PDB file of N, CA and C in Angstrom:
ATOM      1  N   MET A   1       1.707  -0.662   9.242  1.00  0.00           N
ATOM      2  CA  MET A   1       3.087  -0.993   9.525  1.00  0.00           C
ATOM      3  C   MET A   1       3.999  -0.288   8.540  1.00  0.00           C
ATOM      4  N   ASP A   2       5.175   0.081   9.010  1.00  0.00           N
ATOM      5  CA  ASP A   2       6.138   0.711   8.108  1.00  0.00           C
ATOM      6  C   ASP A   2       6.921  -0.361   7.346  1.00  0.00           C
ATOM      7  N   ILE A   3       7.632   0.046   6.325  1.00  0.00           N
ATOM      8  CA  ILE A   3       8.318  -0.895   5.442  1.00  0.00           C
ATOM      9  C   ILE A   3       9.414  -1.661   6.169  1.00  0.00           C
ATOM     10  N   ARG A   4      10.099  -1.023   7.097  1.00  0.00           N
ATOM     11  CA  ARG A   4      11.157  -1.734   7.835  1.00  0.00           C
ATOM     12  C   ARG A   4      10.568  -2.886   8.645  1.00  0.00           C
ATOM     13  N   THR A   5       9.449  -2.674   9.263  1.00  0.00           N
ATOM     14  CA  THR A   5       8.783  -3.730  10.031  1.00  0.00           C
ATOM     15  C   THR A   5       8.367  -4.872   9.105  1.00  0.00           C
ATOM     16  N   LEU A   6       7.821  -4.535   7.942  1.00  0.00           N
ATOM     17  CA  LEU A   6       7.417  -5.572   6.988  1.00  0.00           C
ATOM     18  C   LEU A   6       8.618  -6.377   6.486  1.00  0.00           C
ATOM     19  N   VAL A   7       9.738  -5.713   6.259  1.00  0.00           N
ATOM     20  CA  VAL A   7      10.955  -6.421   5.842  1.00  0.00           C
ATOM     21  C   VAL A   7      11.451  -7.320   6.968  1.00  0.00           C
ATOM     22  N   ASP A   8      11.407  -6.829   8.197  1.00  0.00           N
ATOM     23  CA  ASP A   8      11.804  -7.655   9.340  1.00  0.00           C
ATOM     24  C   ASP A   8      10.941  -8.907   9.444  1.00  0.00           C
ATOM     25  N   ILE A   9       9.658  -8.766   9.233  1.00  0.00           N
ATOM     26  CA  ILE A   9       8.749  -9.915   9.275  1.00  0.00           C
ATOM     27  C   ILE A   9       9.100 -10.913   8.173  1.00  0.00           C
ATOM     28  N   ALA A  10       9.347 -10.415   6.964  1.00  0.00           N
ATOM     29  CA  ALA A  10       9.703 -11.298   5.845  1.00  0.00           C
ATOM     30  C   ALA A  10      10.995 -12.053   6.143  1.00  0.00           C
ATOM     31  N   ILE A  11      11.971 -11.383   6.730  1.00  0.00           N
ATOM     32  CA  ILE A  11      13.240 -12.044   7.078  1.00  0.00           C
ATOM     33  C   ILE A  11      13.001 -13.097   8.154  1.00  0.00           C
ATOM     34  N   ASP A  12      12.200 -12.771   9.147  1.00  0.00           N
ATOM     35  CA  ASP A  12      11.919 -13.725  10.225  1.00  0.00           C
ATOM     36  C   ASP A  12      11.158 -14.946   9.713  1.00  0.00           C
ATOM     37  N   GLU A  13      10.294 -14.760   8.726  1.00  0.00           N
ATOM     38  CA  GLU A  13       9.516 -15.872   8.176  1.00  0.00           C
ATOM     39  C   GLU A  13      10.350 -16.764   7.264  1.00  0.00           C
ATOM     40  N   ASP A  14      11.415 -16.238   6.677  1.00  0.00           N
ATOM     41  CA  ASP A  14      12.253 -17.007   5.755  1.00  0.00           C
ATOM     42  C   ASP A  14      13.728 -16.717   6.066  1.00  0.00           C
ATOM     43  N   PRO A  15      14.209 -17.144   7.242  1.00  0.00           N
ATOM     44  CA  PRO A  15      15.554 -16.761   7.685  1.00  0.00           C
ATOM     45  C   PRO A  15      16.695 -17.322   6.843  1.00  0.00           C
ATOM     46  N   ARG A  16      16.468 -18.350   6.079  1.00  0.00           N
ATOM     47  CA  ARG A  16      17.540 -18.945   5.273  1.00  0.00           C
ATOM     48  C   ARG A  16      17.690 -18.292   3.900  1.00  0.00           C
ATOM     49  N   ALA A  17      16.738 -17.467   3.521  1.00  0.00           N
ATOM     50  CA  ALA A  17      16.806 -16.788   2.222  1.00  0.00           C
ATOM     51  C   ALA A  17      17.986 -15.807   2.223  1.00  0.00           C
ATOM     52  N   PRO A  18      18.797 -15.823   1.185  1.00  0.00           N
ATOM     53  CA  PRO A  18      19.960 -14.932   1.138  1.00  0.00           C
ATOM     54  C   PRO A  18      19.630 -13.499   0.717  1.00  0.00           C
ATOM     55  N   CYS A  19      18.459 -13.299   0.104  1.00  0.00           N
ATOM     56  CA  CYS A  19      18.147 -11.982  -0.424  1.00  0.00           C
ATOM     57  C   CYS A  19      16.652 -11.671  -0.321  1.00  0.00           C
ATOM     58  N   LEU A  20      16.352 -10.399  -0.585  1.00  0.00           N
ATOM     59  CA  LEU A  20      14.985  -9.917  -0.424  1.00  0.00           C
ATOM     60  C   LEU A  20      14.765  -8.776  -1.402  1.00  0.00           C
ATOM     61  N   TRP A  21      13.560  -8.702  -1.977  1.00  0.00           N
ATOM     62  CA  TRP A  21      13.201  -7.611  -2.877  1.00  0.00           C
ATOM     63  C   TRP A  21      12.089  -6.797  -2.235  1.00  0.00           C
ATOM     64  N   VAL A  22      12.216  -5.468  -2.332  1.00  0.00           N
ATOM     65  CA  VAL A  22      11.267  -4.520  -1.753  1.00  0.00           C
ATOM     66  C   VAL A  22      10.614  -3.754  -2.903  1.00  0.00           C
ATOM     67  N   PRO A  23       9.306  -3.486  -2.833  1.00  0.00           N
ATOM     68  CA  PRO A  23       8.652  -2.723  -3.909  1.00  0.00           C
ATOM     69  C   PRO A  23       9.320  -1.359  -4.135  1.00  0.00           C
ATOM     70  N   SER A  24       9.398  -0.941  -5.381  1.00  0.00           N
ATOM     71  CA  SER A  24      10.017   0.349  -5.719  1.00  0.00           C
ATOM     72  C   SER A  24       9.391   1.510  -4.961  1.00  0.00           C
ATOM     73  N   GLU A  25       8.080   1.448  -4.770  1.00  0.00           N
ATOM     74  CA  GLU A  25       7.387   2.539  -4.084  1.00  0.00           C
ATOM     75  C   GLU A  25       7.871   2.700  -2.641  1.00  0.00           C
ATOM     76  N   ALA A  26       8.344   1.626  -2.027  1.00  0.00           N
ATOM     77  CA  ALA A  26       8.784   1.668  -0.632  1.00  0.00           C
ATOM     78  C   ALA A  26      10.302   1.704  -0.491  1.00  0.00           C
ATOM     79  N   TRP A  27      11.027   1.577  -1.597  1.00  0.00           N
ATOM     80  CA  TRP A  27      12.487   1.499  -1.553  1.00  0.00           C
ATOM     81  C   TRP A  27      13.138   2.717  -0.897  1.00  0.00           C
ATOM     82  N   PRO A  28      12.811   3.957  -1.291  1.00  0.00           N
ATOM     83  CA  PRO A  28      13.440   5.120  -0.636  1.00  0.00           C
ATOM     84  C   PRO A  28      13.136   5.175   0.865  1.00  0.00           C
ATOM     85  N   GLU A  29      11.898   4.849   1.233  1.00  0.00           N
ATOM     86  CA  GLU A  29      11.512   4.850   2.652  1.00  0.00           C
ATOM     87  C   GLU A  29      12.312   3.791   3.424  1.00  0.00           C
ATOM     88  N   PHE A  30      12.488   2.603   2.830  1.00  0.00           N
ATOM     89  CA  PHE A  30      13.254   1.551   3.488  1.00  0.00           C
ATOM     90  C   PHE A  30      14.705   1.975   3.687  1.00  0.00           C
ATOM     91  N   CYS A  31      15.332   2.505   2.649  1.00  0.00           N
ATOM     92  CA  CYS A  31      16.726   2.944   2.753  1.00  0.00           C
ATOM     93  C   CYS A  31      16.882   4.033   3.814  1.00  0.00           C
ATOM     94  N   ALA A  32      15.933   4.953   3.867  1.00  0.00           N
ATOM     95  CA  ALA A  32      15.978   6.009   4.883  1.00  0.00           C
ATOM     96  C   ALA A  32      15.793   5.430   6.286  1.00  0.00           C
ATOM     97  N   ALA A  33      14.913   4.440   6.421  1.00  0.00           N
ATOM     98  CA  ALA A  33      14.645   3.844   7.734  1.00  0.00           C
ATOM     99  C   ALA A  33      15.858   3.114   8.297  1.00  0.00           C
ATOM    100  N   ILE A  34      16.656   2.501   7.415  1.00  0.00           N
ATOM    101  CA  ILE A  34      17.837   1.785   7.899  1.00  0.00           C
ATOM    102  C   ILE A  34      19.101   2.642   7.797  1.00  0.00           C
ATOM    103  N   ARG A  35      18.943   3.872   7.301  1.00  0.00           N
ATOM    104  CA  ARG A  35      20.027   4.851   7.186  1.00  0.00           C
ATOM    105  C   ARG A  35      21.189   4.332   6.352  1.00  0.00           C
ATOM    106  N   ARG A  36      20.828   3.775   5.203  1.00  0.00           N
ATOM    107  CA  ARG A  36      21.841   3.281   4.263  1.00  0.00           C
ATOM    108  C   ARG A  36      21.465   3.704   2.857  1.00  0.00           C
ATOM    109  N   ARG A  37      22.489   3.777   2.004  1.00  0.00           N
ATOM    110  CA  ARG A  37      22.277   4.064   0.590  1.00  0.00           C
ATOM    111  C   ARG A  37      22.655   2.826  -0.202  1.00  0.00           C
ATOM    112  N   PRO A  38      21.972   2.577  -1.309  1.00  0.00           N
ATOM    113  CA  PRO A  38      22.327   1.427  -2.146  1.00  0.00           C
ATOM    114  C   PRO A  38      23.765   1.530  -2.660  1.00  0.00           C
ATOM    115  N   ASN A  39      24.409   0.372  -2.810  1.00  0.00           N
ATOM    116  CA  ASN A  39      25.761   0.346  -3.361  1.00  0.00           C
ATOM    117  C   ASN A  39      25.702   0.488  -4.884  1.00  0.00           C
ATOM    118  N   LEU A  40      26.807   0.262  -5.547  1.00  0.00           N
ATOM    119  CA  LEU A  40      26.867   0.462  -7.003  1.00  0.00           C
ATOM    120  C   LEU A  40      25.923  -0.446  -7.781  1.00  0.00           C
ATOM    121  N   ILE A  41      25.602  -1.612  -7.253  1.00  0.00           N
ATOM    122  CA  ILE A  41      24.681  -2.507  -7.960  1.00  0.00           C
ATOM    123  C   ILE A  41      23.241  -2.347  -7.478  1.00  0.00           C
ATOM    124  N   GLY A  42      22.998  -1.351  -6.626  1.00  0.00           N
ATOM    125  CA  GLY A  42      21.643  -1.034  -6.204  1.00  0.00           C
ATOM    126  C   GLY A  42      21.121  -1.849  -5.039  1.00  0.00           C
ATOM    127  N   ALA A  43      22.017  -2.433  -4.255  1.00  0.00           N
ATOM    128  CA  ALA A  43      21.594  -3.263  -3.124  1.00  0.00           C
ATOM    129  C   ALA A  43      22.093  -2.669  -1.809  1.00  0.00           C
ATOM    130  N   VAL A  44      21.393  -3.004  -0.737  1.00  0.00           N
ATOM    131  CA  VAL A  44      21.860  -2.696   0.612  1.00  0.00           C
ATOM    132  C   VAL A  44      21.918  -4.011   1.384  1.00  0.00           C
ATOM    133  N   ILE A  45      22.779  -4.060   2.372  1.00  0.00           N
ATOM    134  CA  ILE A  45      22.853  -5.228   3.247  1.00  0.00           C
ATOM    135  C   ILE A  45      22.128  -4.861   4.536  1.00  0.00           C
ATOM    136  N   TYR A  46      21.158  -5.684   4.893  1.00  0.00           N
ATOM    137  CA  TYR A  46      20.367  -5.460   6.094  1.00  0.00           C
ATOM    138  C   TYR A  46      20.131  -6.810   6.753  1.00  0.00           C
ATOM    139  N   ARG A  47      20.517  -6.930   8.000  1.00  0.00           N
ATOM    140  CA  ARG A  47      20.381  -8.182   8.757  1.00  0.00           C
ATOM    141  C   ARG A  47      20.992  -9.363   7.984  1.00  0.00           C
ATOM    142  N   ASP A  48      22.163  -9.149   7.437  1.00  0.00           N
ATOM    143  CA  ASP A  48      22.913 -10.167   6.688  1.00  0.00           C
ATOM    144  C   ASP A  48      22.196 -10.646   5.427  1.00  0.00           C
ATOM    145  N   LYS A  49      21.301  -9.834   4.886  1.00  0.00           N
ATOM    146  CA  LYS A  49      20.590 -10.144   3.640  1.00  0.00           C
ATOM    147  C   LYS A  49      20.909  -9.064   2.609  1.00  0.00           C
ATOM    148  N   THR A  50      20.962  -9.461   1.351  1.00  0.00           N
ATOM    149  CA  THR A  50      21.058  -8.504   0.263  1.00  0.00           C
ATOM    150  C   THR A  50      19.642  -8.073  -0.067  1.00  0.00           C
ATOM    151  N   VAL A  51      19.379  -6.777   0.044  1.00  0.00           N
ATOM    152  CA  VAL A  51      18.033  -6.243  -0.202  1.00  0.00           C
ATOM    153  C   VAL A  51      18.114  -5.330  -1.420  1.00  0.00           C
ATOM    154  N   ARG A  52      17.167  -5.538  -2.349  1.00  0.00           N
ATOM    155  CA  ARG A  52      17.147  -4.762  -3.595  1.00  0.00           C
ATOM    156  C   ARG A  52      15.762  -4.221  -3.897  1.00  0.00           C
ATOM    157  N   ASP A  53      15.754  -3.250  -4.793  1.00  0.00           N
ATOM    158  CA  ASP A  53      14.505  -2.706  -5.326  1.00  0.00           C
ATOM    159  C   ASP A  53      13.886  -3.782  -6.216  1.00  0.00           C
ATOM    160  N   GLY A  54      12.667  -4.192  -5.897  1.00  0.00           N
ATOM    161  CA  GLY A  54      12.028  -5.287  -6.622  1.00  0.00           C
ATOM    162  C   GLY A  54      11.171  -4.866  -7.793  1.00  0.00           C
ATOM    163  N   GLY A  55      11.093  -3.579  -8.057  1.00  0.00           N
ATOM    164  CA  GLY A  55      10.268  -3.114  -9.162  1.00  0.00           C
ATOM    165  C   GLY A  55       8.938  -2.568  -8.669  1.00  0.00           C
ATOM    166  N   PRO A  56       8.238  -1.859  -9.539  1.00  0.00           N
ATOM    167  CA  PRO A  56       6.972  -1.255  -9.144  1.00  0.00           C
ATOM    168  C   PRO A  56       5.866  -2.295  -8.951  1.00  0.00           C
ATOM    169  N   ALA A  57       4.985  -1.985  -8.013  1.00  0.00           N
ATOM    170  CA  ALA A  57       3.772  -2.787  -7.754  1.00  0.00           C
ATOM    171  C   ALA A  57       4.082  -4.254  -7.467  1.00  0.00           C
ATOM    172  N   THR A  58       5.147  -4.500  -6.709  1.00  0.00           N
ATOM    173  CA  THR A  58       5.477  -5.861  -6.320  1.00  0.00           C
ATOM    174  C   THR A  58       5.253  -6.036  -4.821  1.00  0.00           C
ATOM    175  N   ASP A  59       5.315  -7.260  -4.371  1.00  0.00           N
ATOM    176  CA  ASP A  59       5.275  -7.553  -2.944  1.00  0.00           C
ATOM    177  C   ASP A  59       6.700  -7.665  -2.420  1.00  0.00           C
ATOM    178  N   ILE A  60       6.839  -7.709  -1.103  1.00  0.00           N
ATOM    179  CA  ILE A  60       8.132  -8.023  -0.514  1.00  0.00           C
ATOM    180  C   ILE A  60       8.351  -9.509  -0.738  1.00  0.00           C
ATOM    181  N   VAL A  61       9.448  -9.859  -1.386  1.00  0.00           N
ATOM    182  CA  VAL A  61       9.708 -11.242  -1.779  1.00  0.00           C
ATOM    183  C   VAL A  61      11.093 -11.638  -1.293  1.00  0.00           C
ATOM    184  N   THR A  62      11.198 -12.814  -0.670  1.00  0.00           N
ATOM    185  CA  THR A  62      12.505 -13.325  -0.261  1.00  0.00           C
ATOM    186  C   THR A  62      13.089 -14.175  -1.370  1.00  0.00           C
ATOM    187  N   GLY A  63      14.371 -14.439  -1.281  1.00  0.00           N
ATOM    188  CA  GLY A  63      15.083 -15.202  -2.300  1.00  0.00           C
ATOM    189  C   GLY A  63      14.484 -16.564  -2.558  1.00  0.00           C
ATOM    190  N   SER A  64      13.974 -17.243  -1.536  1.00  0.00           N
ATOM    191  CA  SER A  64      13.430 -18.561  -1.742  1.00  0.00           C
ATOM    192  C   SER A  64      12.047 -18.525  -2.390  1.00  0.00           C
ATOM    193  N   GLN A  65      11.410 -17.342  -2.426  1.00  0.00           N
ATOM    194  CA  GLN A  65      10.102 -17.198  -3.057  1.00  0.00           C
ATOM    195  C   GLN A  65      10.211 -16.686  -4.490  1.00  0.00           C
ATOM    196  N   GLN A  66      11.395 -16.239  -4.898  1.00  0.00           N
ATOM    197  CA  GLN A  66      11.584 -15.668  -6.214  1.00  0.00           C
ATOM    198  C   GLN A  66      11.269 -16.721  -7.286  1.00  0.00           C
ATOM    199  N   GLY A  67      10.439 -16.363  -8.211  1.00  0.00           N
ATOM    200  CA  GLY A  67      10.089 -17.265  -9.294  1.00  0.00           C
ATOM    201  C   GLY A  67       9.019 -18.285  -8.932  1.00  0.00           C
ATOM    202  N   TRP A  68       8.482 -18.212  -7.732  1.00  0.00           N
ATOM    203  CA  TRP A  68       7.457 -19.151  -7.272  1.00  0.00           C
ATOM    204  C   TRP A  68       6.119 -18.865  -7.958  1.00  0.00           C
ATOM    205  N   ARG A  69       5.436 -19.868  -8.379  1.00  0.00           N
ATOM    206  CA  ARG A  69       4.135 -19.696  -9.032  1.00  0.00           C
ATOM    207  C   ARG A  69       3.097 -20.525  -8.281  1.00  0.00           C
ATOM    208  N   ALA A  70       1.907 -19.963  -8.141  1.00  0.00           N
ATOM    209  CA  ALA A  70       0.815 -20.665  -7.437  1.00  0.00           C
ATOM    210  C   ALA A  70       0.134 -21.642  -8.352  1.00  0.00           C
TER     211      ALA A  70
END
């Protein structure tokens, strides 16, 4: 699956989350897929969500999962 599809799945699974983080390795591909460039603070708006670069070697994480520990 491509990164846009994975982000769509994450949004569908957690529709109330206001934001989403994408792994750094997939960030350029995601921005190209949605044909947007990050704004001055490094975020893009996609499907009414703030999407940001989540750092290297991370998973796609929604706002409600941020800081969650198993």
